[in-house]
Amino acid sequence: MATAVDVAQVIYNKLGWVDSWKLEKLTYYCQAWSLGWYGRPLVSNEFQAWTDGPVEPNLYRENKYQRSEKTSTVLPGADAEAIGDEAEKIIDAVIAFYGDKTSNELIELTHSERPWIAARGQMGPEVKTNEPISQLEMKKYYALQEARGVEGPTRPVLSVQNLSGAELKQRLQASAERWKGALEILATR
């Protein structure tokens, strides 16, 4: 699985240099919307609820201490090749929606959203913490945002897998079993 540093490198490749706050928030939104749209993380890393919004500590360190100069767009520890076509579509969707926003706008936006707020609990916005942001919170919040039609990135259409007849039948049966109760309720209405 890709890392936050890998995703950030792709963002740099597409946008050129952006400040660390914006890079962190765009990377967070890639993870958040992947969870909201598809129920699975885009990166293996955990984001934390820092005072300036969500931050992935490895990306923070790599971006701050490992680049050759302040405005370099090369993250030495990144492997942009680890990003597959589907992940790149998610990154593109996030950039298309959030890419024109300033760092401060992105910070304010993340500060207004449930996952960051929940991770911080009763702490004030200026209290430093490394409290993790729950992937379950992200998944629920961003899925609900899309379901409610709240303005956000457009969900990319990912490629369809070619399945054998037996494999397709097995998956359909598993889905029918999973939704059996809901289907029974709907059938009686």
Foldseek 3Di string as FASTA:
>chain_A
DFALLLLLLVVCVVQPFAAPLLSQLLSVQLQLVCCQPPVDGPHPFWWFLFLQATGGVVNVCQLPPVDPDVRDSDRPVYDNVVQDPQSVQSSVLSCVFCVVPHSNVSSVVRVVFDQSPVQCDPDDSNDGDRRTRDSVSSNVRSNVCVVVVPDGGDNDDDDDDDDDPVVVVVVVVVVCVVCVVVVVVVVVD
